[in-house]
Amino acid sequence: MNNWQPIETAPKDGTFILLHVEHFGLCQGYWCEEPVNIKTGEDAEPCWMAGLSAHFCRNVVPTHWMPLPEVPNE
């Protein structure tokens, strides 16, 4: 079953989701309404944030998304 949906339908409320980013692959990410430029400390434009760990890339351009799977109970 393929649950990939166009990125235009993704939630923009800070929910972590699975993203497909061309030339980057699959990663978790979220829409950030109030990002801060880490170099200048100034506010930046709202954007997608994506990464595979604590390191997130700002302004990625995902093409598709799907909900993250449930966490195992065991």
PDB file of N, CA and C in Angstrom:
ATOM      1  N   MET A   1       0.846  -1.174   0.000  1.00  0.00           N
ATOM      2  CA  MET A   1       0.000   0.000   0.000  1.00  0.00           C
ATOM      3  C   MET A   1       0.896   1.244   0.000  1.00  0.00           C
ATOM      4  N   ASN A   2       0.577   2.202  -0.832  1.00  0.00           N
ATOM      5  CA  ASN A   2       1.366   3.417  -0.961  1.00  0.00           C
ATOM      6  C   ASN A   2       0.568   4.583  -0.392  1.00  0.00           C
ATOM      7  N   ASN A   3       1.036   5.157   0.716  1.00  0.00           N
ATOM      8  CA  ASN A   3       0.336   6.256   1.364  1.00  0.00           C
ATOM      9  C   ASN A   3       0.978   7.615   1.107  1.00  0.00           C
ATOM     10  N   TRP A   4       1.902   7.688   0.139  1.00  0.00           N
ATOM     11  CA  TRP A   4       2.543   8.967  -0.157  1.00  0.00           C
ATOM     12  C   TRP A   4       1.516   9.947  -0.697  1.00  0.00           C
ATOM     13  N   GLN A   5       1.593  11.165  -0.199  1.00  0.00           N
ATOM     14  CA  GLN A   5       0.668  12.209  -0.613  1.00  0.00           C
ATOM     15  C   GLN A   5       1.464  13.420  -1.086  1.00  0.00           C
ATOM     16  N   PRO A   6       0.872  14.243  -1.958  1.00  0.00           N
ATOM     17  CA  PRO A   6       1.578  15.452  -2.410  1.00  0.00           C
ATOM     18  C   PRO A   6       1.894  16.360  -1.221  1.00  0.00           C
ATOM     19  N   ILE A   7       3.034  17.006  -1.258  1.00  0.00           N
ATOM     20  CA  ILE A   7       3.474  17.842  -0.138  1.00  0.00           C
ATOM     21  C   ILE A   7       2.493  18.977   0.149  1.00  0.00           C
ATOM     22  N   GLU A   8       1.739  19.394  -0.847  1.00  0.00           N
ATOM     23  CA  GLU A   8       0.763  20.470  -0.645  1.00  0.00           C
ATOM     24  C   GLU A   8      -0.315  20.094   0.374  1.00  0.00           C
ATOM     25  N   THR A   9      -0.498  18.793   0.618  1.00  0.00           N
ATOM     26  CA  THR A   9      -1.525  18.346   1.560  1.00  0.00           C
ATOM     27  C   THR A   9      -0.960  18.064   2.958  1.00  0.00           C
ATOM     28  N   ALA A  10       0.330  18.284   3.153  1.00  0.00           N
ATOM     29  CA  ALA A  10       0.983  17.970   4.433  1.00  0.00           C
ATOM     30  C   ALA A  10       0.539  18.922   5.543  1.00  0.00           C
ATOM     31  N   PRO A  11       0.496  18.429   6.783  1.00  0.00           N
ATOM     32  CA  PRO A  11       0.152  19.317   7.900  1.00  0.00           C
ATOM     33  C   PRO A  11       1.252  20.353   8.118  1.00  0.00           C
ATOM     34  N   LYS A  12       0.843  21.539   8.462  1.00  0.00           N
ATOM     35  CA  LYS A  12       1.801  22.620   8.730  1.00  0.00           C
ATOM     36  C   LYS A  12       1.603  23.131  10.151  1.00  0.00           C
ATOM     37  N   ASP A  13       1.457  22.174  11.077  1.00  0.00           N
ATOM     38  CA  ASP A  13       1.228  22.520  12.481  1.00  0.00           C
ATOM     39  C   ASP A  13       2.367  22.065  13.386  1.00  0.00           C
ATOM     40  N   GLY A  14       3.522  21.725  12.787  1.00  0.00           N
ATOM     41  CA  GLY A  14       4.668  21.277  13.572  1.00  0.00           C
ATOM     42  C   GLY A  14       4.722  19.773  13.788  1.00  0.00           C
ATOM     43  N   THR A  15       3.745  19.042  13.243  1.00  0.00           N
ATOM     44  CA  THR A  15       3.729  17.582  13.371  1.00  0.00           C
ATOM     45  C   THR A  15       4.890  16.981  12.592  1.00  0.00           C
ATOM     46  N   PHE A  16       5.628  16.065  13.212  1.00  0.00           N
ATOM     47  CA  PHE A  16       6.689  15.352  12.508  1.00  0.00           C
ATOM     48  C   PHE A  16       6.061  14.345  11.559  1.00  0.00           C
ATOM     49  N   ILE A  17       6.562  14.328  10.320  1.00  0.00           N
ATOM     50  CA  ILE A  17       6.065  13.427   9.287  1.00  0.00           C
ATOM     51  C   ILE A  17       7.258  12.852   8.528  1.00  0.00           C
ATOM     52  N   LEU A  18       6.991  11.875   7.690  1.00  0.00           N
ATOM     53  CA  LEU A  18       8.011  11.307   6.814  1.00  0.00           C
ATOM     54  C   LEU A  18       7.982  12.095   5.514  1.00  0.00           C
ATOM     55  N   LEU A  19       9.143  12.567   5.078  1.00  0.00           N
ATOM     56  CA  LEU A  19       9.244  13.375   3.865  1.00  0.00           C
ATOM     57  C   LEU A  19      10.086  12.675   2.812  1.00  0.00           C
ATOM     58  N   HIS A  20       9.746  12.904   1.555  1.00  0.00           N
ATOM     59  CA  HIS A  20      10.624  12.510   0.461  1.00  0.00           C
ATOM     60  C   HIS A  20      11.175  13.791  -0.136  1.00  0.00           C
ATOM     61  N   VAL A  21      12.507  13.912  -0.094  1.00  0.00           N
ATOM     62  CA  VAL A  21      13.181  15.092  -0.627  1.00  0.00           C
ATOM     63  C   VAL A  21      14.076  14.619  -1.767  1.00  0.00           C
ATOM     64  N   GLU A  22      13.812  15.130  -2.971  1.00  0.00           N
ATOM     65  CA  GLU A  22      14.584  14.722  -4.132  1.00  0.00           C
ATOM     66  C   GLU A  22      16.074  14.984  -3.901  1.00  0.00           C
ATOM     67  N   HIS A  23      16.910  14.043  -4.291  1.00  0.00           N
ATOM     68  CA  HIS A  23      18.368  14.085  -4.154  1.00  0.00           C
ATOM     69  C   HIS A  23      18.828  14.011  -2.692  1.00  0.00           C
ATOM     70  N   PHE A  24      17.918  13.802  -1.763  1.00  0.00           N
ATOM     71  CA  PHE A  24      18.255  13.677  -0.345  1.00  0.00           C
ATOM     72  C   PHE A  24      17.730  12.357   0.193  1.00  0.00           C
ATOM     73  N   GLY A  25      16.537  11.968  -0.260  1.00  0.00           N
ATOM     74  CA  GLY A  25      15.944  10.705   0.152  1.00  0.00           C
ATOM     75  C   GLY A  25      14.834  10.887   1.164  1.00  0.00           C
ATOM     76  N   LEU A  26      14.652   9.851   1.971  1.00  0.00           N
ATOM     77  CA  LEU A  26      13.602   9.849   2.980  1.00  0.00           C
ATOM     78  C   LEU A  26      14.146  10.374   4.298  1.00  0.00           C
ATOM     79  N   CYS A  27      13.338  11.151   4.981  1.00  0.00           N
ATOM     80  CA  CYS A  27      13.748  11.686   6.270  1.00  0.00           C
ATOM     81  C   CYS A  27      12.510  12.134   7.031  1.00  0.00           C
ATOM     82  N   GLN A  28      12.671  12.328   8.308  1.00  0.00           N
ATOM     83  CA  GLN A  28      11.580  12.914   9.072  1.00  0.00           C
ATOM     84  C   GLN A  28      11.713  14.427   9.002  1.00  0.00           C
ATOM     85  N   GLY A  29      10.599  15.102   9.179  1.00  0.00           N
ATOM     86  CA  GLY A  29      10.653  16.550   9.130  1.00  0.00           C
ATOM     87  C   GLY A  29       9.360  17.171   9.610  1.00  0.00           C
ATOM     88  N   TYR A  30       9.315  18.487   9.536  1.00  0.00           N
ATOM     89  CA  TYR A  30       8.136  19.233   9.969  1.00  0.00           C
ATOM     90  C   TYR A  30       8.162  20.623   9.358  1.00  0.00           C
ATOM     91  N   TRP A  31       6.999  21.283   9.326  1.00  0.00           N
ATOM     92  CA  TRP A  31       6.894  22.661   8.873  1.00  0.00           C
ATOM     93  C   TRP A  31       7.177  23.564  10.058  1.00  0.00           C
ATOM     94  N   CYS A  32       8.071  24.508   9.887  1.00  0.00           N
ATOM     95  CA  CYS A  32       8.449  25.421  10.961  1.00  0.00           C
ATOM     96  C   CYS A  32       7.973  26.827  10.607  1.00  0.00           C
ATOM     97  N   GLU A  33       7.072  27.353  11.410  1.00  0.00           N
ATOM     98  CA  GLU A  33       6.517  28.695  11.166  1.00  0.00           C
ATOM     99  C   GLU A  33       7.475  29.810  11.560  1.00  0.00           C
ATOM    100  N   GLU A  34       8.337  29.567  12.553  1.00  0.00           N
ATOM    101  CA  GLU A  34       9.198  30.634  13.064  1.00  0.00           C
ATOM    102  C   GLU A  34      10.661  30.187  13.169  1.00  0.00           C
ATOM    103  N   PRO A  35      11.268  29.823  12.029  1.00  0.00           N
ATOM    104  CA  PRO A  35      12.678  29.434  12.091  1.00  0.00           C
ATOM    105  C   PRO A  35      13.571  30.632  12.392  1.00  0.00           C
ATOM    106  N   VAL A  36      14.752  30.337  12.915  1.00  0.00           N
ATOM    107  CA  VAL A  36      15.743  31.372  13.206  1.00  0.00           C
ATOM    108  C   VAL A  36      17.010  31.040  12.432  1.00  0.00           C
ATOM    109  N   ASN A  37      17.586  32.019  11.803  1.00  0.00           N
ATOM    110  CA  ASN A  37      18.849  31.842  11.100  1.00  0.00           C
ATOM    111  C   ASN A  37      19.937  31.656  12.152  1.00  0.00           C
ATOM    112  N   ILE A  38      20.561  30.459  12.199  1.00  0.00           N
ATOM    113  CA  ILE A  38      21.529  30.182  13.257  1.00  0.00           C
ATOM    114  C   ILE A  38      22.808  31.004  13.114  1.00  0.00           C
ATOM    115  N   LYS A  39      23.089  31.514  11.933  1.00  0.00           N
ATOM    116  CA  LYS A  39      24.287  32.337  11.740  1.00  0.00           C
ATOM    117  C   LYS A  39      24.087  33.769  12.230  1.00  0.00           C
ATOM    118  N   THR A  40      22.873  34.308  12.009  1.00  0.00           N
ATOM    119  CA  THR A  40      22.640  35.708  12.348  1.00  0.00           C
ATOM    120  C   THR A  40      21.748  35.888  13.576  1.00  0.00           C
ATOM    121  N   GLY A  41      20.999  34.837  13.936  1.00  0.00           N
ATOM    122  CA  GLY A  41      20.064  34.941  15.051  1.00  0.00           C
ATOM    123  C   GLY A  41      18.776  35.651  14.682  1.00  0.00           C
ATOM    124  N   GLU A  42      18.642  36.021  13.419  1.00  0.00           N
ATOM    125  CA  GLU A  42      17.454  36.729  12.955  1.00  0.00           C
ATOM    126  C   GLU A  42      16.364  35.745  12.542  1.00  0.00           C
ATOM    127  N   ASP A  43      15.128  36.224  12.569  1.00  0.00           N
ATOM    128  CA  ASP A  43      14.010  35.407  12.120  1.00  0.00           C
ATOM    129  C   ASP A  43      14.169  35.094  10.642  1.00  0.00           C
ATOM    130  N   ALA A  44      13.692  33.916  10.256  1.00  0.00           N
ATOM    131  CA  ALA A  44      13.731  33.497   8.857  1.00  0.00           C
ATOM    132  C   ALA A  44      12.305  33.209   8.387  1.00  0.00           C
ATOM    133  N   GLU A  45      12.153  32.999   7.096  1.00  0.00           N
ATOM    134  CA  GLU A  45      10.842  32.696   6.524  1.00  0.00           C
ATOM    135  C   GLU A  45      10.404  31.286   6.936  1.00  0.00           C
ATOM    136  N   PRO A  46       9.092  31.054   7.101  1.00  0.00           N
ATOM    137  CA  PRO A  46       8.605  29.693   7.377  1.00  0.00           C
ATOM    138  C   PRO A  46       9.109  28.732   6.301  1.00  0.00           C
ATOM    139  N   CYS A  47       9.436  27.497   6.713  1.00  0.00           N
ATOM    140  CA  CYS A  47      10.003  26.542   5.765  1.00  0.00           C
ATOM    141  C   CYS A  47       9.901  25.116   6.303  1.00  0.00           C
ATOM    142  N   TRP A  48      10.189  24.162   5.430  1.00  0.00           N
ATOM    143  CA  TRP A  48      10.302  22.762   5.829  1.00  0.00           C
ATOM    144  C   TRP A  48      11.658  22.544   6.465  1.00  0.00           C
ATOM    145  N   MET A  49      11.669  21.791   7.561  1.00  0.00           N
ATOM    146  CA  MET A  49      12.901  21.379   8.227  1.00  0.00           C
ATOM    147  C   MET A  49      12.936  19.856   8.106  1.00  0.00           C
ATOM    148  N   ALA A  50      14.081  19.293   7.761  1.00  0.00           N
ATOM    149  CA  ALA A  50      14.169  17.852   7.580  1.00  0.00           C
ATOM    150  C   ALA A  50      15.509  17.333   8.033  1.00  0.00           C
ATOM    151  N   GLY A  51      15.525  16.099   8.541  1.00  0.00           N
ATOM    152  CA  GLY A  51      16.768  15.480   8.965  1.00  0.00           C
ATOM    153  C   GLY A  51      16.565  14.060   9.427  1.00  0.00           C
ATOM    154  N   LEU A  52      17.653  13.406   9.728  1.00  0.00           N
ATOM    155  CA  LEU A  52      17.596  12.026  10.188  1.00  0.00           C
ATOM    156  C   LEU A  52      17.993  11.895  11.646  1.00  0.00           C
ATOM    157  N   SER A  53      18.371  12.962  12.286  1.00  0.00           N
ATOM    158  CA  SER A  53      18.765  12.919  13.690  1.00  0.00           C
ATOM    159  C   SER A  53      18.518  14.296  14.283  1.00  0.00           C
ATOM    160  N   ALA A  54      19.350  14.713  15.196  1.00  0.00           N
ATOM    161  CA  ALA A  54      19.194  16.030  15.805  1.00  0.00           C
ATOM    162  C   ALA A  54      19.635  17.145  14.862  1.00  0.00           C
ATOM    163  N   HIS A  55      20.264  16.788  13.753  1.00  0.00           N
ATOM    164  CA  HIS A  55      20.724  17.782  12.785  1.00  0.00           C
ATOM    165  C   HIS A  55      19.669  17.957  11.709  1.00  0.00           C
ATOM    166  N   PHE A  56      19.102  19.133  11.631  1.00  0.00           N
ATOM    167  CA  PHE A  56      18.048  19.397  10.659  1.00  0.00           C
ATOM    168  C   PHE A  56      18.508  20.402   9.630  1.00  0.00           C
ATOM    169  N   CYS A  57      18.086  20.184   8.389  1.00  0.00           N
ATOM    170  CA  CYS A  57      18.368  21.101   7.291  1.00  0.00           C
ATOM    171  C   CYS A  57      17.166  22.008   7.111  1.00  0.00           C
ATOM    172  N   ARG A  58      17.409  23.280   6.932  1.00  0.00           N
ATOM    173  CA  ARG A  58      16.335  24.253   6.736  1.00  0.00           C
ATOM    174  C   ARG A  58      16.117  24.474   5.250  1.00  0.00           C
ATOM    175  N   ASN A  59      14.889  24.778   4.888  1.00  0.00           N
ATOM    176  CA  ASN A  59      14.516  25.105   3.509  1.00  0.00           C
ATOM    177  C   ASN A  59      14.693  23.952   2.535  1.00  0.00           C
ATOM    178  N   VAL A  60      14.448  22.728   2.978  1.00  0.00           N
ATOM    179  CA  VAL A  60      14.424  21.620   2.035  1.00  0.00           C
ATOM    180  C   VAL A  60      13.137  21.733   1.233  1.00  0.00           C
ATOM    181  N   VAL A  61      13.100  21.075   0.081  1.00  0.00           N
ATOM    182  CA  VAL A  61      11.918  21.140  -0.775  1.00  0.00           C
ATOM    183  C   VAL A  61      11.395  19.717  -0.994  1.00  0.00           C
ATOM    184  N   PRO A  62      10.594  19.212  -0.059  1.00  0.00           N
ATOM    185  CA  PRO A  62      10.055  17.862  -0.226  1.00  0.00           C
ATOM    186  C   PRO A  62       8.990  17.828  -1.312  1.00  0.00           C
ATOM    187  N   THR A  63       8.838  16.656  -1.925  1.00  0.00           N
ATOM    188  CA  THR A  63       7.825  16.491  -2.966  1.00  0.00           C
ATOM    189  C   THR A  63       6.605  15.744  -2.450  1.00  0.00           C
ATOM    190  N   HIS A  64       6.814  14.840  -1.470  1.00  0.00           N
ATOM    191  CA  HIS A  64       5.734  14.012  -0.945  1.00  0.00           C
ATOM    192  C   HIS A  64       5.911  13.803   0.553  1.00  0.00           C
ATOM    193  N   TRP A  65       4.850  13.325   1.199  1.00  0.00           N
ATOM    194  CA  TRP A  65       4.888  13.080   2.635  1.00  0.00           C
ATOM    195  C   TRP A  65       3.953  11.928   2.980  1.00  0.00           C
ATOM    196  N   MET A  66       4.149  11.375   4.171  1.00  0.00           N
ATOM    197  CA  MET A  66       3.207  10.421   4.759  1.00  0.00           C
ATOM    198  C   MET A  66       3.371  10.476   6.270  1.00  0.00           C
ATOM    199  N   PRO A  67       2.342  10.044   7.014  1.00  0.00           N
ATOM    200  CA  PRO A  67       2.463  10.037   8.473  1.00  0.00           C
ATOM    201  C   PRO A  67       3.575   9.087   8.912  1.00  0.00           C
ATOM    202  N   LEU A  68       4.207   9.402  10.027  1.00  0.00           N
ATOM    203  CA  LEU A  68       5.192   8.481  10.597  1.00  0.00           C
ATOM    204  C   LEU A  68       4.467   7.236  11.098  1.00  0.00           C
ATOM    205  N   PRO A  69       5.104   6.070  11.037  1.00  0.00           N
ATOM    206  CA  PRO A  69       4.464   4.861  11.561  1.00  0.00           C
ATOM    207  C   PRO A  69       4.368   4.901  13.079  1.00  0.00           C
ATOM    208  N   GLU A  70       3.504   4.072  13.615  1.00  0.00           N
ATOM    209  CA  GLU A  70       3.359   3.959  15.069  1.00  0.00           C
ATOM    210  C   GLU A  70       4.649   3.422  15.674  1.00  0.00           C
ATOM    211  N   VAL A  71       4.960   3.847  16.887  1.00  0.00           N
ATOM    212  CA  VAL A  71       6.130   3.360  17.603  1.00  0.00           C
ATOM    213  C   VAL A  71       5.809   1.960  18.143  1.00  0.00           C
ATOM    214  N   PRO A  72       6.759   1.018  18.078  1.00  0.00           N
ATOM    215  CA  PRO A  72       6.504  -0.336  18.599  1.00  0.00           C
ATOM    216  C   PRO A  72       6.165  -0.303  20.086  1.00  0.00           C
ATOM    217  N   ASN A  73       5.303  -1.211  20.491  1.00  0.00           N
ATOM    218  CA  ASN A  73       4.916  -1.318  21.912  1.00  0.00           C
ATOM    219  C   ASN A  73       5.911  -2.148  22.708  1.00  0.00           C
ATOM    220  N   GLU A  74       6.712  -2.955  22.042  1.00  0.00           N
ATOM    221  CA  GLU A  74       7.636  -3.853  22.728  1.00  0.00           C
ATOM    222  C   GLU A  74       9.043  -3.323  22.743  1.00  0.00           C
TER     223      GLU A  74
END
